[in-house]
Amino acid sequence: MPEWCIVANLESVPQLGETLAREVSGQWQETIVGSQVEYQLWQDGARDQSLDSLSTAITGYLLNTASDWIRTILLRRYRYFAADEVHSIVYAATQLLFADSAHNQGRFHLMKNILAQFLATNDTVVLEGVKRFLIPEISHEFEEEVDRAIDQWLMEKEYREFVRLLRHFVNLNEPKMNIIHVYWQRHQFFLEDTLGQPVGKDILAELASGLPDEEDSPEDLLVSALITIAPRQIVLHLNKPADHVLQTIDGVFEDRVVRCPGCRRCGRRDLTQSVTKR
């Protein structure tokens, strides 16, 4: 009679048999029953040693194939995402789950201990049951990260659509200036023409007057002003700009955007240096 039997859904356990045979010594037998596969173990050594090896192997396998686990949760709870959307959300949730190495170790030991306690008094373990019922704390954590990943993906999708609409609006309008230089000094942006004369002050003031103080973001005002002026070329003289600002400007204006390689206003090389594509 086998010491333990591991039962899993046939389509969701790639390389499970190889993992068990490699990490747990003994005689293994694989049996396919309908849509399930069973791995039966006849142990070679002491039961305690095999129990520790088996609980370690199963825990490692479940965490190493966490993306499949996450995908199952996603498809069970949310059925309306397309295949490419599922892929993006699963990837994002996996990144969120495994971002903290110390927490990863704690999760591993918790799962291993729970499995070891279960295997000490049970000779059959169903992996789908382990995921859904045996380790509720971890299952709940996975579900929470799936929800976070969905929220993050929806925000990014909304942002991409927002940028697309702005780009379409800019492309429909005739440029009102050839070149605008953008500087960041004293915690605010300045716009100048090729002669170094300020431009867009009225536009920035008008935009700022229409926003509550807590929404008066310099970055948002800059993007709005550039869209209003719609220059043929934007030269960015920014030492440490916020990444999302550059991302938005690049997304909206595309090949109109260049970045100064360095000048006195940038605090680097000479003003006579030509601008280069970002």
Protein backbone atom coordinates (compact mmCIF):
# COMPACT_ATOMS: atom_id res chain seq x y z
CA MET A 1 0.00 0.00 0.00
CA PRO A 2 1.44 3.42 -0.95
CA GLU A 3 2.41 5.78 1.83
CA TRP A 4 0.92 8.85 0.12
CA CYS A 5 -1.12 9.70 -2.93
CA ILE A 6 -0.95 13.14 -4.56
CA VAL A 7 -4.01 13.99 -6.70
CA ALA A 8 -4.11 16.90 -9.17
CA ASN A 9 -5.97 18.15 -12.23
CA LEU A 10 -4.19 16.70 -15.24
CA GLU A 11 -4.08 19.95 -17.27
CA SER A 12 -2.78 22.20 -14.48
CA VAL A 13 0.30 20.37 -13.18
CA PRO A 14 3.17 20.51 -15.70
CA GLN A 15 6.30 18.72 -14.46
CA LEU A 16 4.70 17.75 -11.14
CA GLY A 17 5.71 14.10 -11.54
CA GLU A 18 9.30 15.05 -12.37
CA THR A 19 9.45 17.36 -9.35
CA LEU A 20 8.17 14.71 -6.94
CA ALA A 21 10.47 12.00 -8.31
CA ARG A 22 13.48 14.31 -8.13
CA GLU A 23 12.93 15.67 -4.63
CA VAL A 24 11.29 12.78 -2.74
CA SER A 25 13.07 9.44 -2.72
CA GLY A 26 11.02 6.30 -3.12
CA GLN A 27 9.06 4.47 -5.77
CA TRP A 28 6.54 6.65 -7.61
CA GLN A 29 3.67 5.45 -9.76
CA GLU A 30 1.62 7.73 -12.02
CA THR A 31 -2.01 6.89 -12.77
CA ILE A 32 -4.36 8.94 -14.95
CA VAL A 33 -8.02 8.74 -13.96
CA GLY A 34 -10.25 10.83 -16.23
CA SER A 35 -9.21 14.48 -15.90
CA GLN A 36 -7.01 13.80 -12.86
CA VAL A 37 -3.58 12.35 -12.31
CA GLU A 38 -2.49 10.46 -9.19
CA TYR A 39 1.10 10.10 -7.97
CA GLN A 40 1.50 7.28 -5.46
CA LEU A 41 4.61 6.97 -3.31
CA TRP A 42 6.11 3.88 -1.77
CA GLN A 43 8.80 5.28 0.54
CA ASP A 44 12.37 4.05 0.84
CA GLY A 45 13.45 5.73 4.05
CA ALA A 46 11.97 6.84 7.34
CA ARG A 47 8.46 8.28 7.24
CA ASP A 48 9.46 11.53 8.98
CA GLN A 49 12.18 12.17 6.43
CA SER A 50 9.86 11.43 3.50
CA LEU A 51 7.14 13.63 5.06
CA ASP A 52 9.53 16.58 5.30
CA SER A 53 10.78 16.07 1.73
CA LEU A 54 7.24 15.69 0.38
CA SER A 55 5.84 18.79 2.13
CA THR A 56 8.86 20.79 0.92
CA ALA A 57 8.47 19.52 -2.65
CA ILE A 58 4.74 20.25 -2.86
CA THR A 59 5.15 23.71 -1.34
CA GLY A 60 7.97 24.58 -3.71
CA TYR A 61 6.00 23.31 -6.69
CA LEU A 62 2.87 25.29 -5.81
CA LEU A 63 4.84 28.52 -5.36
CA ASN A 64 7.00 27.96 -8.45
CA THR A 65 3.83 27.56 -10.51
CA ALA A 66 2.04 30.45 -8.76
CA SER A 67 1.10 32.04 -12.09
CA ASP A 68 -1.11 29.03 -12.85
CA TRP A 69 -2.65 29.34 -9.39
CA ILE A 70 -3.29 33.05 -9.97
CA ARG A 71 -4.78 32.39 -13.39
CA THR A 72 -7.19 29.84 -11.87
CA ILE A 73 -8.30 32.39 -9.25
CA LEU A 74 -8.74 35.09 -11.89
CA LEU A 75 -10.80 32.91 -14.24
CA ARG A 76 -12.91 31.59 -11.38
CA ARG A 77 -13.81 35.03 -10.06
CA TYR A 78 -13.71 37.16 -13.23
CA ARG A 79 -14.82 35.58 -16.49
CA TYR A 80 -14.95 38.61 -18.76
CA PHE A 81 -11.26 39.31 -19.50
CA ALA A 82 -9.79 38.46 -22.89
CA ALA A 83 -6.79 36.13 -23.17
CA ASP A 84 -4.23 38.94 -23.53
CA GLU A 85 -5.78 40.79 -20.60
CA VAL A 86 -5.60 37.65 -18.44
CA HIS A 87 -1.91 37.32 -19.30
CA SER A 88 -1.19 40.93 -18.29
CA ILE A 89 -3.14 40.69 -15.02
CA VAL A 90 -1.55 37.36 -14.05
CA TYR A 91 1.91 38.81 -14.67
CA ALA A 92 1.13 41.92 -12.59
CA ALA A 93 -0.32 39.87 -9.71
CA THR A 94 2.72 37.55 -9.72
CA GLN A 95 5.05 40.55 -9.49
CA LEU A 96 3.06 41.97 -6.57
CA LEU A 97 3.00 38.65 -4.71
CA PHE A 98 6.72 37.97 -4.88
CA ALA A 99 8.12 41.48 -4.49
CA ASP A 100 9.24 40.97 -0.87
CA SER A 101 11.84 38.20 -0.38
CA ALA A 102 11.41 38.06 3.40
CA HIS A 103 7.65 37.67 3.02
CA ASN A 104 8.23 35.00 0.37
CA GLN A 105 10.25 32.95 2.86
CA GLY A 106 7.58 33.34 5.53
CA ARG A 107 4.90 32.23 3.07
CA PHE A 108 6.97 29.17 2.11
CA HIS A 109 7.49 28.04 5.71
CA LEU A 110 3.83 28.59 6.59
CA MET A 111 2.68 26.48 3.63
CA LYS A 112 5.23 23.76 4.33
CA ASN A 113 4.26 23.48 8.02
CA ILE A 114 0.54 23.29 7.22
CA LEU A 115 1.16 20.63 4.59
CA ALA A 116 3.41 18.61 6.91
CA GLN A 117 0.75 18.61 9.62
CA PHE A 118 -1.87 17.47 7.10
CA LEU A 119 0.34 14.73 5.59
CA ALA A 120 1.17 13.41 9.07
CA THR A 121 -2.42 12.20 9.48
CA ASN A 122 -3.64 11.86 5.87
CA ASP A 123 -2.35 9.65 3.08
CA THR A 124 -4.08 11.51 0.22
CA VAL A 125 -3.69 15.17 -0.68
CA VAL A 126 -5.58 16.94 -3.50
CA LEU A 127 -3.58 19.93 -4.73
CA GLU A 128 -6.64 21.94 -5.74
CA GLY A 129 -8.01 21.43 -2.24
CA VAL A 130 -4.70 22.57 -0.76
CA LYS A 131 -4.91 25.82 -2.73
CA ARG A 132 -8.54 26.56 -1.93
CA PHE A 133 -9.12 25.18 1.57
CA LEU A 134 -6.01 23.96 3.39
CA ILE A 135 -4.11 27.28 3.42
CA PRO A 136 -6.86 29.95 3.59
CA GLU A 137 -4.49 32.74 4.67
CA ILE A 138 -2.37 32.30 1.57
CA SER A 139 -5.36 31.74 -0.73
CA HIS A 140 -6.83 35.00 0.56
CA GLU A 141 -3.52 36.77 -0.05
CA PHE A 142 -3.47 35.51 -3.64
CA GLU A 143 -7.05 36.70 -4.18
CA GLU A 144 -6.20 40.14 -2.77
CA GLU A 145 -3.22 40.50 -5.09
CA VAL A 146 -5.36 39.47 -8.06
CA ASP A 147 -7.78 42.27 -7.15
CA ARG A 148 -4.89 44.75 -6.78
CA ALA A 149 -3.49 43.68 -10.14
CA ILE A 150 -6.89 44.17 -11.79
CA ASP A 151 -7.20 47.67 -10.29
CA GLN A 152 -3.68 48.48 -11.47
CA TRP A 153 -4.36 47.13 -14.95
CA LEU A 154 -7.63 49.06 -15.27
CA MET A 155 -5.90 52.28 -14.23
CA GLU A 156 -3.15 51.70 -16.79
CA LYS A 157 -5.74 50.92 -19.47
CA GLU A 158 -7.62 54.11 -18.64
CA TYR A 159 -4.35 56.07 -18.76
CA ARG A 160 -3.43 54.62 -22.17
CA GLU A 161 -6.85 55.55 -23.54
CA PHE A 162 -6.50 59.05 -22.06
CA VAL A 163 -3.10 59.52 -23.74
CA ARG A 164 -4.47 58.19 -27.04
CA LEU A 165 -7.30 60.74 -27.01
CA LEU A 166 -4.91 63.59 -26.19
CA ARG A 167 -2.57 62.51 -28.99
CA HIS A 168 -5.49 62.46 -31.41
CA PHE A 169 -6.52 65.96 -30.30
CA VAL A 170 -2.97 67.32 -30.73
CA ASN A 171 -2.61 65.80 -34.20
CA LEU A 172 -5.86 67.42 -35.33
CA ASN A 173 -4.70 70.94 -34.45
CA GLU A 174 -2.24 73.15 -36.29
CA PRO A 175 0.90 73.93 -34.22
CA LYS A 176 0.83 77.44 -32.76
CA MET A 177 4.64 77.61 -32.28
CA ASN A 178 7.67 75.94 -33.81
CA ILE A 179 9.75 75.15 -30.72
CA ILE A 180 9.12 75.40 -26.99
CA HIS A 181 11.80 74.86 -24.35
CA VAL A 182 10.63 73.43 -21.02
CA TYR A 183 12.61 74.13 -17.82
CA TRP A 184 12.09 73.06 -14.20
CA GLN A 185 13.29 75.60 -11.61
CA ARG A 186 12.23 76.54 -8.10
CA HIS A 187 9.62 73.76 -8.05
CA GLN A 188 7.78 74.96 -11.13
CA PHE A 189 7.93 74.67 -14.89
CA PHE A 190 8.89 77.50 -17.26
CA LEU A 191 8.18 77.63 -20.98
CA GLU A 192 10.39 79.69 -23.31
CA ASP A 193 10.71 80.26 -27.05
CA THR A 194 13.95 79.92 -29.02
CA LEU A 195 14.98 83.47 -28.01
CA GLY A 196 14.63 82.69 -24.31
CA GLN A 197 11.43 84.69 -23.93
CA PRO A 198 8.75 83.35 -21.59
CA VAL A 199 5.66 81.92 -23.24
CA GLY A 200 2.50 80.36 -21.96
CA LYS A 201 2.27 82.32 -18.70
CA ASP A 202 -1.30 83.34 -19.39
CA ILE A 203 -2.20 79.81 -20.37
CA LEU A 204 -0.67 78.34 -17.20
CA ALA A 205 -2.37 80.96 -15.03
CA GLU A 206 -5.73 80.36 -16.69
CA LEU A 207 -5.39 76.59 -16.30
CA ALA A 208 -4.35 76.93 -12.65
CA SER A 209 -7.27 79.23 -11.84
CA GLY A 210 -9.71 76.54 -12.91
CA LEU A 211 -8.39 73.92 -10.51
CA PRO A 212 -8.83 73.52 -6.73
CA ASP A 213 -5.58 74.00 -4.80
CA GLU A 214 -5.22 70.29 -4.03
CA GLU A 215 -5.48 69.47 -7.75
CA ASP A 216 -3.15 72.23 -8.92
CA SER A 217 -0.37 69.86 -10.04
CA PRO A 218 2.55 71.52 -11.90
CA GLU A 219 2.92 68.37 -14.00
CA ASP A 220 -0.73 68.41 -15.06
CA LEU A 221 -0.56 72.12 -15.83
CA LEU A 222 2.53 71.58 -17.99
CA VAL A 223 0.91 68.85 -20.06
CA SER A 224 -2.27 70.92 -20.47
CA ALA A 225 -0.30 73.99 -21.55
CA LEU A 226 1.74 72.03 -24.10
CA ILE A 227 -1.44 70.56 -25.55
CA THR A 228 -2.97 74.04 -25.79
CA ILE A 229 0.08 75.52 -27.51
CA ALA A 230 0.74 72.34 -29.57
CA PRO A 231 4.29 73.22 -30.72
CA ARG A 232 6.02 71.43 -33.56
CA GLN A 233 8.85 70.50 -31.24
CA ILE A 234 9.26 70.32 -27.45
CA VAL A 235 12.76 70.53 -25.98
CA LEU A 236 12.91 69.21 -22.44
CA HIS A 237 15.55 70.74 -20.16
CA LEU A 238 14.77 68.60 -17.15
CA ASN A 239 17.35 67.22 -14.71
CA LYS A 240 15.05 65.11 -12.55
CA PRO A 241 11.56 65.13 -14.00
CA ALA A 242 8.87 62.83 -12.70
CA ASP A 243 8.80 59.69 -14.82
CA HIS A 244 5.06 59.86 -15.37
CA VAL A 245 5.40 63.39 -16.77
CA LEU A 246 7.89 62.29 -19.41
CA GLN A 247 5.78 59.23 -20.13
CA THR A 248 2.71 61.37 -20.74
CA ILE A 249 4.52 63.97 -22.85
CA ASP A 250 6.21 61.26 -24.93
CA GLY A 251 2.92 59.43 -25.37
CA VAL A 252 0.98 62.51 -26.45
CA PHE A 253 3.56 64.27 -28.62
CA GLU A 254 5.63 61.26 -29.73
CA ASP A 255 8.37 62.29 -32.22
CA ARG A 256 7.89 66.00 -31.47
CA VAL A 257 9.76 65.52 -28.17
CA VAL A 258 13.53 65.86 -27.86
CA ARG A 259 15.70 66.20 -24.81
CA CYS A 260 18.50 68.69 -24.32
CA PRO A 261 21.83 66.86 -23.92
CA GLY A 262 22.97 69.58 -21.54
CA CYS A 263 23.26 73.35 -21.28
CA ARG A 264 23.87 76.04 -18.67
CA ARG A 265 20.18 76.04 -17.75
CA CYS A 266 20.32 72.27 -17.30
CA GLY A 267 23.47 72.56 -15.20
CA ARG A 268 25.51 70.48 -17.61
CA ARG A 269 27.16 71.23 -20.97
CA ASP A 270 27.13 74.32 -23.17
CA LEU A 271 24.02 75.92 -24.64
CA THR A 272 25.46 75.55 -28.14
CA GLN A 273 25.06 71.75 -27.95
CA SER A 274 22.30 70.54 -30.26
CA VAL A 275 19.28 68.72 -28.91
CA THR A 276 18.95 64.97 -29.44
CA LYS A 277 16.06 62.58 -29.69
CA ARG A 278 15.07 61.01 -26.38
